[in-house]
Amino acid sequence: LEAVAQLGSGATAKDIAAQTGIAPATAYRLLNLL
């Protein structure tokens, strides 16, 4: 959530995962839950 706020609207899953250091597969699963 913090990464999306920092990156701004339109941030991609790849950008968000890179910003947080979270594995892409885990990030994508949690993004869908959010």
PDB file of all heavy atoms in Angstrom:
ATOM      1  N   LEU A   1       0.831  -1.205   0.000  1.00  0.00           N
ATOM      2  CA  LEU A   1       0.000   0.000   0.000  1.00  0.00           C
ATOM      3  C   LEU A   1       0.866   1.256   0.000  1.00  0.00           C
ATOM      4  O   LEU A   1       0.597   2.223  -0.724  1.00  0.00           O
ATOM      5  CB  LEU A   1      -0.927   0.002   1.222  1.00  0.00           C
ATOM      6  CG  LEU A   1      -2.083  -0.991   1.212  1.00  0.00           C
ATOM      7  CD1 LEU A   1      -2.811  -0.969   2.554  1.00  0.00           C
ATOM      8  CD2 LEU A   1      -3.057  -0.671   0.081  1.00  0.00           C
ATOM      9  N   GLU A   2       1.918   1.232   0.828  1.00  0.00           N
ATOM     10  CA  GLU A   2       2.812   2.383   0.900  1.00  0.00           C
ATOM     11  C   GLU A   2       3.511   2.603  -0.444  1.00  0.00           C
ATOM     12  O   GLU A   2       3.674   3.748  -0.891  1.00  0.00           O
ATOM     13  CB  GLU A   2       3.852   2.165   1.998  1.00  0.00           C
ATOM     14  CG  GLU A   2       4.769   3.367   2.212  1.00  0.00           C
ATOM     15  CD  GLU A   2       5.740   3.157   3.359  1.00  0.00           C
ATOM     16  OE1 GLU A   2       5.732   2.060   3.955  1.00  0.00           O
ATOM     17  OE2 GLU A   2       6.494   4.091   3.661  1.00  0.00           O
ATOM     18  N   ALA A   3       3.890   1.513  -1.108  1.00  0.00           N
ATOM     19  CA  ALA A   3       4.562   1.630  -2.406  1.00  0.00           C
ATOM     20  C   ALA A   3       3.632   2.239  -3.453  1.00  0.00           C
ATOM     21  O   ALA A   3       4.052   3.084  -4.248  1.00  0.00           O
ATOM     22  CB  ALA A   3       5.054   0.262  -2.861  1.00  0.00           C
ATOM     23  N   VAL A   4       2.370   1.830  -3.464  1.00  0.00           N
ATOM     24  CA  VAL A   4       1.411   2.388  -4.424  1.00  0.00           C
ATOM     25  C   VAL A   4       1.232   3.885  -4.167  1.00  0.00           C
ATOM     26  O   VAL A   4       1.166   4.687  -5.099  1.00  0.00           O
ATOM     27  CB  VAL A   4       0.062   1.654  -4.347  1.00  0.00           C
ATOM     28  CG1 VAL A   4      -0.976   2.339  -5.234  1.00  0.00           C
ATOM     29  CG2 VAL A   4       0.220   0.199  -4.762  1.00  0.00           C
ATOM     30  N   ALA A   5       1.180   4.266  -2.886  1.00  0.00           N
ATOM     31  CA  ALA A   5       1.040   5.683  -2.547  1.00  0.00           C
ATOM     32  C   ALA A   5       2.251   6.478  -3.029  1.00  0.00           C
ATOM     33  O   ALA A   5       2.116   7.607  -3.518  1.00  0.00           O
ATOM     34  CB  ALA A   5       0.861   5.840  -1.045  1.00  0.00           C
ATOM     35  N   GLN A   6       3.440   5.900  -2.912  1.00  0.00           N
ATOM     36  CA  GLN A   6       4.663   6.596  -3.315  1.00  0.00           C
ATOM     37  C   GLN A   6       4.825   6.638  -4.832  1.00  0.00           C
ATOM     38  O   GLN A   6       5.231   7.665  -5.398  1.00  0.00           O
ATOM     39  CB  GLN A   6       5.881   5.915  -2.678  1.00  0.00           C
ATOM     40  CG  GLN A   6       5.959   6.074  -1.166  1.00  0.00           C
ATOM     41  CD  GLN A   6       7.073   5.244  -0.547  1.00  0.00           C
ATOM     42  OE1 GLN A   6       7.651   4.373  -1.197  1.00  0.00           O
ATOM     43  NE2 GLN A   6       7.389   5.512   0.705  1.00  0.00           N
ATOM     44  N   LEU A   7       4.509   5.528  -5.504  1.00  0.00           N
ATOM     45  CA  LEU A   7       4.690   5.449  -6.948  1.00  0.00           C
ATOM     46  C   LEU A   7       3.606   6.196  -7.705  1.00  0.00           C
ATOM     47  O   LEU A   7       3.816   6.658  -8.822  1.00  0.00           O
ATOM     48  CB  LEU A   7       4.716   3.984  -7.400  1.00  0.00           C
ATOM     49  CG  LEU A   7       5.935   3.170  -6.942  1.00  0.00           C
ATOM     50  CD1 LEU A   7       5.708   1.692  -7.231  1.00  0.00           C
ATOM     51  CD2 LEU A   7       7.199   3.663  -7.632  1.00  0.00           C
ATOM     52  N   GLY A   8       2.437   6.314  -7.090  1.00  0.00           N
ATOM     53  CA  GLY A   8       1.334   7.013  -7.731  1.00  0.00           C
ATOM     54  C   GLY A   8       0.427   6.074  -8.498  1.00  0.00           C
ATOM     55  O   GLY A   8       0.760   4.920  -8.773  1.00  0.00           O
ATOM     56  N   SER A   9      -0.739   6.614  -8.856  1.00  0.00           N
ATOM     57  CA  SER A   9      -1.732   5.832  -9.577  1.00  0.00           C
ATOM     58  C   SER A   9      -1.157   5.286 -10.879  1.00  0.00           C
ATOM     59  O   SER A   9      -0.468   5.986 -11.615  1.00  0.00           O
ATOM     60  CB  SER A   9      -2.947   6.715  -9.870  1.00  0.00           C
ATOM     61  OG  SER A   9      -3.923   6.003 -10.572  1.00  0.00           O
ATOM     62  N   GLY A  10      -1.443   4.012 -11.153  1.00  0.00           N
ATOM     63  CA  GLY A  10      -0.951   3.376 -12.365  1.00  0.00           C
ATOM     64  C   GLY A  10       0.293   2.541 -12.161  1.00  0.00           C
ATOM     65  O   GLY A  10       0.816   1.962 -13.116  1.00  0.00           O
ATOM     66  N   ALA A  11       0.783   2.479 -10.914  1.00  0.00           N
ATOM     67  CA  ALA A  11       1.961   1.668 -10.627  1.00  0.00           C
ATOM     68  C   ALA A  11       1.688   0.211 -11.002  1.00  0.00           C
ATOM     69  O   ALA A  11       0.641  -0.337 -10.673  1.00  0.00           O
ATOM     70  CB  ALA A  11       2.317   1.767  -9.148  1.00  0.00           C
ATOM     71  N   THR A  12       2.640  -0.412 -11.683  1.00  0.00           N
ATOM     72  CA  THR A  12       2.457  -1.799 -12.102  1.00  0.00           C
ATOM     73  C   THR A  12       2.881  -2.746 -10.988  1.00  0.00           C
ATOM     74  O   THR A  12       3.620  -2.369 -10.073  1.00  0.00           O
ATOM     75  CB  THR A  12       3.284  -2.110 -13.353  1.00  0.00           C
ATOM     76  OG1 THR A  12       4.684  -2.011 -13.016  1.00  0.00           O
ATOM     77  CG2 THR A  12       2.970  -1.130 -14.477  1.00  0.00           C
ATOM     78  N   ALA A  13       2.438  -3.999 -11.089  1.00  0.00           N
ATOM     79  CA  ALA A  13       2.816  -5.003 -10.100  1.00  0.00           C
ATOM     80  C   ALA A  13       4.335  -5.177 -10.065  1.00  0.00           C
ATOM     81  O   ALA A  13       4.923  -5.342  -8.996  1.00  0.00           O
ATOM     82  CB  ALA A  13       2.128  -6.332 -10.419  1.00  0.00           C
ATOM     83  N   LYS A  14       4.961  -5.111 -11.230  1.00  0.00           N
ATOM     84  CA  LYS A  14       6.415  -5.244 -11.301  1.00  0.00           C
ATOM     85  C   LYS A  14       7.103  -4.102 -10.567  1.00  0.00           C
ATOM     86  O   LYS A  14       8.054  -4.313  -9.802  1.00  0.00           O
ATOM     87  CB  LYS A  14       6.851  -5.283 -12.765  1.00  0.00           C
ATOM     88  CG  LYS A  14       8.357  -5.444 -12.964  1.00  0.00           C
ATOM     89  CD  LYS A  14       8.704  -5.491 -14.449  1.00  0.00           C
ATOM     90  CE  LYS A  14      10.208  -5.628 -14.652  1.00  0.00           C
ATOM     91  NZ  LYS A  14      10.545  -5.657 -16.107  1.00  0.00           N
ATOM     92  N   ASP A  15       6.625  -2.858 -10.782  1.00  0.00           N
ATOM     93  CA  ASP A  15       7.202  -1.695 -10.101  1.00  0.00           C
ATOM     94  C   ASP A  15       7.012  -1.789  -8.591  1.00  0.00           C
ATOM     95  O   ASP A  15       7.911  -1.470  -7.810  1.00  0.00           O
ATOM     96  CB  ASP A  15       6.561  -0.408 -10.610  1.00  0.00           C
ATOM     97  CG  ASP A  15       6.960  -0.081 -12.043  1.00  0.00           C
ATOM     98  OD1 ASP A  15       8.009  -0.593 -12.485  1.00  0.00           O
ATOM     99  OD2 ASP A  15       6.222   0.660 -12.710  1.00  0.00           O
ATOM    100  N   ILE A  16       5.823  -2.219  -8.194  1.00  0.00           N
ATOM    101  CA  ILE A  16       5.503  -2.296  -6.760  1.00  0.00           C
ATOM    102  C   ILE A  16       6.368  -3.357  -6.084  1.00  0.00           C
ATOM    103  O   ILE A  16       6.893  -3.151  -4.990  1.00  0.00           O
ATOM    104  CB  ILE A  16       4.004  -2.605  -6.563  1.00  0.00           C
ATOM    105  CG1 ILE A  16       3.154  -1.456  -7.131  1.00  0.00           C
ATOM    106  CG2 ILE A  16       3.688  -2.816  -5.089  1.00  0.00           C
ATOM    107  CD1 ILE A  16       1.693  -1.807  -7.289  1.00  0.00           C
ATOM    108  N   ALA A  17       6.532  -4.512  -6.748  1.00  0.00           N
ATOM    109  CA  ALA A  17       7.364  -5.575  -6.185  1.00  0.00           C
ATOM    110  C   ALA A  17       8.807  -5.105  -6.058  1.00  0.00           C
ATOM    111  O   ALA A  17       9.473  -5.362  -5.040  1.00  0.00           O
ATOM    112  CB  ALA A  17       7.283  -6.820  -7.071  1.00  0.00           C
ATOM    113  N   ALA A  18       9.293  -4.399  -7.072  1.00  0.00           N
ATOM    114  CA  ALA A  18      10.670  -3.899  -7.027  1.00  0.00           C
ATOM    115  C   ALA A  18      10.845  -2.861  -5.925  1.00  0.00           C
ATOM    116  O   ALA A  18      11.870  -2.842  -5.238  1.00  0.00           O
ATOM    117  CB  ALA A  18      11.042  -3.295  -8.384  1.00  0.00           C
ATOM    118  N   GLN A  19       9.839  -2.012  -5.748  1.00  0.00           N
ATOM    119  CA  GLN A  19       9.916  -0.965  -4.728  1.00  0.00           C
ATOM    120  C   GLN A  19       9.977  -1.556  -3.322  1.00  0.00           C
ATOM    121  O   GLN A  19      10.666  -1.036  -2.446  1.00  0.00           O
ATOM    122  CB  GLN A  19       8.683  -0.058  -4.851  1.00  0.00           C
ATOM    123  CG  GLN A  19       8.566   1.039  -3.794  1.00  0.00           C
ATOM    124  CD  GLN A  19       9.277   2.310  -4.201  1.00  0.00           C
ATOM    125  OE1 GLN A  19       9.994   2.325  -5.191  1.00  0.00           O
ATOM    126  NE2 GLN A  19       9.088   3.365  -3.439  1.00  0.00           N
ATOM    127  N   THR A  20       9.257  -2.646  -3.107  1.00  0.00           N
ATOM    128  CA  THR A  20       9.155  -3.232  -1.773  1.00  0.00           C
ATOM    129  C   THR A  20      10.152  -4.353  -1.521  1.00  0.00           C
ATOM    130  O   THR A  20      10.371  -4.739  -0.368  1.00  0.00           O
ATOM    131  CB  THR A  20       7.741  -3.800  -1.546  1.00  0.00           C
ATOM    132  OG1 THR A  20       7.460  -4.766  -2.572  1.00  0.00           O
ATOM    133  CG2 THR A  20       6.699  -2.686  -1.603  1.00  0.00           C
ATOM    134  N   GLY A  21      10.721  -4.913  -2.579  1.00  0.00           N
ATOM    135  CA  GLY A  21      11.609  -6.056  -2.415  1.00  0.00           C
ATOM    136  C   GLY A  21      10.866  -7.354  -2.154  1.00  0.00           C
ATOM    137  O   GLY A  21      11.465  -8.350  -1.734  1.00  0.00           O
ATOM    138  N   ILE A  22       9.570  -7.363  -2.419  1.00  0.00           N
ATOM    139  CA  ILE A  22       8.754  -8.563  -2.227  1.00  0.00           C
ATOM    140  C   ILE A  22       8.770  -9.377  -3.520  1.00  0.00           C
ATOM    141  O   ILE A  22       8.720  -8.819  -4.619  1.00  0.00           O
ATOM    142  CB  ILE A  22       7.311  -8.180  -1.842  1.00  0.00           C
ATOM    143  CG1 ILE A  22       7.302  -7.433  -0.496  1.00  0.00           C
ATOM    144  CG2 ILE A  22       6.408  -9.405  -1.772  1.00  0.00           C
ATOM    145  CD1 ILE A  22       5.946  -6.854  -0.127  1.00  0.00           C
ATOM    146  N   ALA A  23       8.857 -10.679  -3.390  1.00  0.00           N
ATOM    147  CA  ALA A  23       8.871 -11.547  -4.567  1.00  0.00           C
ATOM    148  C   ALA A  23       7.648 -11.261  -5.432  1.00  0.00           C
ATOM    149  O   ALA A  23       6.535 -11.106  -4.909  1.00  0.00           O
ATOM    150  CB  ALA A  23       8.864 -13.009  -4.137  1.00  0.00           C
ATOM    151  N   PRO A  24       7.818 -11.165  -6.762  1.00  0.00           N
ATOM    152  CA  PRO A  24       6.705 -10.806  -7.648  1.00  0.00           C
ATOM    153  C   PRO A  24       5.460 -11.664  -7.469  1.00  0.00           C
ATOM    154  O   PRO A  24       4.340 -11.137  -7.457  1.00  0.00           O
ATOM    155  CB  PRO A  24       7.316 -10.987  -9.046  1.00  0.00           C
ATOM    156  CG  PRO A  24       8.768 -10.707  -8.842  1.00  0.00           C
ATOM    157  CD  PRO A  24       9.092 -11.282  -7.491  1.00  0.00           C
ATOM    158  N   ALA A  25       5.635 -12.980  -7.325  1.00  0.00           N
ATOM    159  CA  ALA A  25       4.471 -13.854  -7.175  1.00  0.00           C
ATOM    160  C   ALA A  25       3.708 -13.537  -5.895  1.00  0.00           C
ATOM    161  O   ALA A  25       2.468 -13.478  -5.876  1.00  0.00           O
ATOM    162  CB  ALA A  25       4.908 -15.320  -7.181  1.00  0.00           C
ATOM    163  N   THR A  26       4.453 -13.300  -4.796  1.00  0.00           N
ATOM    164  CA  THR A  26       3.821 -12.950  -3.523  1.00  0.00           C
ATOM    165  C   THR A  26       3.150 -11.589  -3.617  1.00  0.00           C
ATOM    166  O   THR A  26       2.025 -11.390  -3.141  1.00  0.00           O
ATOM    167  CB  THR A  26       4.864 -12.938  -2.394  1.00  0.00           C
ATOM    168  OG1 THR A  26       5.468 -14.220  -2.299  1.00  0.00           O
ATOM    169  CG2 THR A  26       4.227 -12.574  -1.061  1.00  0.00           C
ATOM    170  N   ALA A  27       3.845 -10.633  -4.239  1.00  0.00           N
ATOM    171  CA  ALA A  27       3.294  -9.283  -4.384  1.00  0.00           C
ATOM    172  C   ALA A  27       1.993  -9.323  -5.174  1.00  0.00           C
ATOM    173  O   ALA A  27       1.003  -8.689  -4.792  1.00  0.00           O
ATOM    174  CB  ALA A  27       4.311  -8.374  -5.062  1.00  0.00           C
ATOM    175  N   TYR A  28       1.984 -10.071  -6.274  1.00  0.00           N
ATOM    176  CA  TYR A  28       0.791 -10.124  -7.117  1.00  0.00           C
ATOM    177  C   TYR A  28      -0.385 -10.738  -6.363  1.00  0.00           C
ATOM    178  O   TYR A  28      -1.520 -10.265  -6.459  1.00  0.00           O
ATOM    179  CB  TYR A  28       1.078 -10.913  -8.388  1.00  0.00           C
ATOM    180  CG  TYR A  28       0.027 -10.723  -9.449  1.00  0.00           C
ATOM    181  CD1 TYR A  28      -0.043  -9.538 -10.182  1.00  0.00           C
ATOM    182  CD2 TYR A  28      -0.897 -11.722  -9.725  1.00  0.00           C
ATOM    183  CE1 TYR A  28      -1.013  -9.346 -11.153  1.00  0.00           C
ATOM    184  CE2 TYR A  28      -1.875 -11.536 -10.695  1.00  0.00           C
ATOM    185  CZ  TYR A  28      -1.933 -10.351 -11.407  1.00  0.00           C
ATOM    186  OH  TYR A  28      -2.902 -10.161 -12.356  1.00  0.00           O
ATOM    187  N   ARG A  29      -0.098 -11.792  -5.586  1.00  0.00           N
ATOM    188  CA  ARG A  29      -1.179 -12.436  -4.808  1.00  0.00           C
ATOM    189  C   ARG A  29      -1.752 -11.466  -3.781  1.00  0.00           C
ATOM    190  O   ARG A  29      -2.971 -11.333  -3.641  1.00  0.00           O
ATOM    191  CB  ARG A  29      -0.641 -13.691  -4.110  1.00  0.00           C
ATOM    192  CG  ARG A  29      -1.664 -14.397  -3.222  1.00  0.00           C
ATOM    193  CD  ARG A  29      -1.095 -15.680  -2.666  1.00  0.00           C
ATOM    194  NE  ARG A  29       0.109 -15.445  -1.886  1.00  0.00           N
ATOM    195  CZ  ARG A  29       0.087 -15.048  -0.601  1.00  0.00           C
ATOM    196  NH1 ARG A  29      -1.058 -14.839   0.016  1.00  0.00           N
ATOM    197  NH2 ARG A  29       1.225 -14.873   0.049  1.00  0.00           N
ATOM    198  N   LEU A  30      -0.871 -10.751  -3.071  1.00  0.00           N
ATOM    199  CA  LEU A  30      -1.351  -9.808  -2.058  1.00  0.00           C
ATOM    200  C   LEU A  30      -2.052  -8.609  -2.696  1.00  0.00           C
ATOM    201  O   LEU A  30      -3.033  -8.090  -2.152  1.00  0.00           O
ATOM    202  CB  LEU A  30      -0.177  -9.342  -1.195  1.00  0.00           C
ATOM    203  CG  LEU A  30       0.420 -10.392  -0.257  1.00  0.00           C
ATOM    204  CD1 LEU A  30       1.675  -9.857   0.432  1.00  0.00           C
ATOM    205  CD2 LEU A  30      -0.608 -10.817   0.797  1.00  0.00           C
ATOM    206  N   LEU A  31      -1.564  -8.168  -3.848  1.00  0.00           N
ATOM    207  CA  LEU A  31      -2.224  -7.052  -4.544  1.00  0.00           C
ATOM    208  C   LEU A  31      -3.653  -7.419  -4.916  1.00  0.00           C
ATOM    209  O   LEU A  31      -4.578  -6.610  -4.764  1.00  0.00           O
ATOM    210  CB  LEU A  31      -1.430  -6.681  -5.797  1.00  0.00           C
ATOM    211  CG  LEU A  31      -0.104  -5.948  -5.571  1.00  0.00           C
ATOM    212  CD1 LEU A  31       0.702  -5.899  -6.857  1.00  0.00           C
ATOM    213  CD2 LEU A  31      -0.340  -4.538  -5.037  1.00  0.00           C
ATOM    214  N   ASN A  32      -3.844  -8.636  -5.384  1.00  0.00           N
ATOM    215  CA  ASN A  32      -5.197  -9.079  -5.734  1.00  0.00           C
ATOM    216  C   ASN A  32      -6.100  -9.144  -4.507  1.00  0.00           C
ATOM    217  O   ASN A  32      -7.295  -8.817  -4.581  1.00  0.00           O
ATOM    218  CB  ASN A  32      -5.145 -10.443  -6.423  1.00  0.00           C
ATOM    219  CG  ASN A  32      -4.681 -10.333  -7.864  1.00  0.00           C
ATOM    220  OD1 ASN A  32      -4.882  -9.313  -8.509  1.00  0.00           O
ATOM    221  ND2 ASN A  32      -4.061 -11.384  -8.373  1.00  0.00           N
ATOM    222  N   LEU A  33      -5.546  -9.563  -3.373  1.00  0.00           N
ATOM    223  CA  LEU A  33      -6.325  -9.585  -2.137  1.00  0.00           C
ATOM    224  C   LEU A  33      -6.700  -8.168  -1.716  1.00  0.00           C
ATOM    225  O   LEU A  33      -7.832  -7.919  -1.268  1.00  0.00           O
ATOM    226  CB  LEU A  33      -5.529 -10.271  -1.019  1.00  0.00           C
ATOM    227  CG  LEU A  33      -5.347 -11.792  -1.139  1.00  0.00           C
ATOM    228  CD1 LEU A  33      -4.397 -12.300  -0.062  1.00  0.00           C
ATOM    229  CD2 LEU A  33      -6.698 -12.501  -1.040  1.00  0.00           C
ATOM    230  N   LEU A  34      -5.770  -7.237  -1.844  1.00  0.00           N
ATOM    231  CA  LEU A  34      -6.045  -5.844  -1.485  1.00  0.00           C
ATOM    232  C   LEU A  34      -7.089  -5.234  -2.414  1.00  0.00           C
ATOM    233  O   LEU A  34      -7.910  -4.411  -1.981  1.00  0.00           O
ATOM    234  CB  LEU A  34      -4.744  -5.029  -1.521  1.00  0.00           C
ATOM    235  CG  LEU A  34      -3.742  -5.352  -0.414  1.00  0.00           C
ATOM    236  CD1 LEU A  34      -2.383  -4.710  -0.709  1.00  0.00           C
ATOM    237  CD2 LEU A  34      -4.256  -4.868   0.953  1.00  0.00           C
TER     238      LEU A  34
END
